[in-house]
Protein backbone atom coordinates (compact mmCIF):
# COMPACT_ATOMS: atom_id res chain seq x y z
CA MET A 1 -0.58 19.17 -76.99
CA SER A 2 -1.62 22.55 -78.09
CA GLN A 3 -1.08 25.65 -76.11
CA LEU A 4 -4.27 27.15 -74.45
CA THR A 5 -4.63 30.92 -73.70
CA ILE A 6 -7.04 31.94 -70.89
CA VAL A 7 -8.51 35.35 -70.45
CA ALA A 8 -10.20 35.62 -67.22
CA ASN A 9 -12.12 38.79 -66.33
CA ILE A 10 -12.98 39.49 -62.60
CA ILE A 11 -15.27 42.26 -61.52
CA ALA A 12 -15.05 43.11 -57.89
CA LYS A 13 -17.80 44.87 -55.93
CA ALA A 14 -16.90 48.61 -55.60
CA ASP A 15 -16.24 48.23 -51.85
CA LYS A 16 -14.17 45.02 -52.17
CA VAL A 17 -11.62 46.07 -54.76
CA ASP A 18 -8.68 46.09 -52.32
CA LEU A 19 -9.71 42.65 -50.90
CA VAL A 20 -10.03 40.99 -54.40
CA LYS A 21 -6.85 42.64 -55.56
CA ALA A 22 -4.89 41.31 -52.59
CA GLU A 23 -6.24 37.86 -53.06
CA LEU A 24 -5.58 37.79 -56.88
CA LEU A 25 -1.88 38.93 -56.24
CA LYS A 26 -1.51 35.90 -53.82
CA LEU A 27 -2.09 33.66 -56.83
CA ILE A 28 0.67 34.86 -59.13
CA ALA A 29 3.83 33.36 -57.77
CA VAL A 30 2.29 29.97 -56.83
CA THR A 31 0.62 29.69 -60.32
CA ARG A 32 3.70 30.66 -62.19
CA ALA A 33 5.54 27.78 -60.65
CA GLU A 34 2.98 25.19 -61.76
CA GLU A 35 3.72 22.68 -64.34
CA GLY A 36 2.66 23.97 -67.75
CA CYS A 37 2.32 27.59 -66.92
CA ILE A 38 3.85 29.77 -69.72
CA ASN A 39 2.73 33.05 -68.19
CA TYR A 40 0.29 34.23 -65.82
CA ASP A 41 -0.21 38.08 -65.89
CA LEU A 42 -2.67 40.06 -63.78
CA HIS A 43 -4.00 43.33 -65.18
CA GLN A 44 -6.23 46.10 -63.60
CA ASP A 45 -8.34 48.34 -65.69
CA ASN A 46 -7.02 52.09 -65.70
CA ALA A 47 -10.50 53.42 -65.93
CA ASN A 48 -12.23 50.84 -63.66
CA PRO A 49 -10.15 49.68 -60.78
CA ALA A 50 -12.70 46.95 -59.92
CA HIS A 51 -11.92 45.15 -63.23
CA PHE A 52 -9.12 42.75 -63.10
CA MET A 53 -7.94 40.47 -66.01
CA PHE A 54 -5.54 37.46 -65.98
CA TYR A 55 -3.90 36.73 -69.33
CA GLU A 56 -2.57 33.21 -69.19
CA ASN A 57 -0.89 30.77 -71.44
CA TRP A 58 -0.58 27.12 -70.64
CA GLN A 59 1.18 24.24 -72.37
CA SER A 60 -2.10 22.28 -72.57
CA ARG A 61 -5.71 22.30 -71.55
CA GLU A 62 -5.07 19.34 -69.33
CA LEU A 63 -2.33 21.28 -67.43
CA TRP A 64 -4.68 24.30 -66.99
CA GLN A 65 -7.44 22.17 -65.79
CA ALA A 66 -5.03 20.73 -63.08
CA HIS A 67 -4.26 24.26 -62.11
CA MET A 68 -7.94 24.99 -61.70
CA GLY A 69 -8.23 22.19 -59.18
CA ASN A 70 -5.44 23.41 -56.88
CA GLN A 71 -5.93 24.47 -53.36
CA HIS A 72 -4.85 28.00 -53.85
CA LEU A 73 -7.73 28.66 -56.21
CA ALA A 74 -10.10 27.10 -53.73
CA ASP A 75 -8.65 29.47 -51.12
CA TYR A 76 -9.05 32.48 -53.33
CA VAL A 77 -12.71 31.52 -53.92
CA ALA A 78 -13.44 31.22 -50.31
CA ALA A 79 -11.63 34.44 -49.42
CA THR A 80 -13.49 36.39 -52.00
CA GLU A 81 -17.00 34.91 -51.50
CA GLY A 82 -19.44 37.71 -52.02
CA ALA A 83 -16.89 40.19 -53.10
CA VAL A 84 -16.89 39.39 -56.79
CA VAL A 85 -19.71 40.58 -59.13
CA GLU A 86 -18.66 38.67 -62.25
CA PHE A 87 -16.11 36.04 -63.19
CA ILE A 88 -15.81 35.14 -66.91
CA VAL A 89 -13.21 32.73 -68.25
CA ASN A 90 -12.56 32.43 -72.03
CA GLU A 91 -10.49 29.60 -73.41
CA MET A 92 -8.70 30.71 -76.56
CA SER A 93 -6.39 29.50 -79.15
CA VAL A 94 -3.95 31.35 -81.22
CA ILE A 95 -5.08 31.35 -84.96
CA GLY A 96 -2.58 33.49 -86.64
């Protein structure tokens, strides 16, 4: 198994920043308790409060994929429907 780094960028609609932030914060504790989660850290851009970024490390891609299928992520998607402008996930590997 090789470690997987995830960088997820979420851009909220300007009038939905507080909603998206609240829903993202709900994901942290439950995700950190998941098998394979090394870290799961949420950031908010200092210049653009509508821009959020998760920096995550997982023991393997398989364990991250299991996380992606969990109910709390489905609940987040339902709660923020129409409130997110952009959601980009990059799967990355340490090379140095």
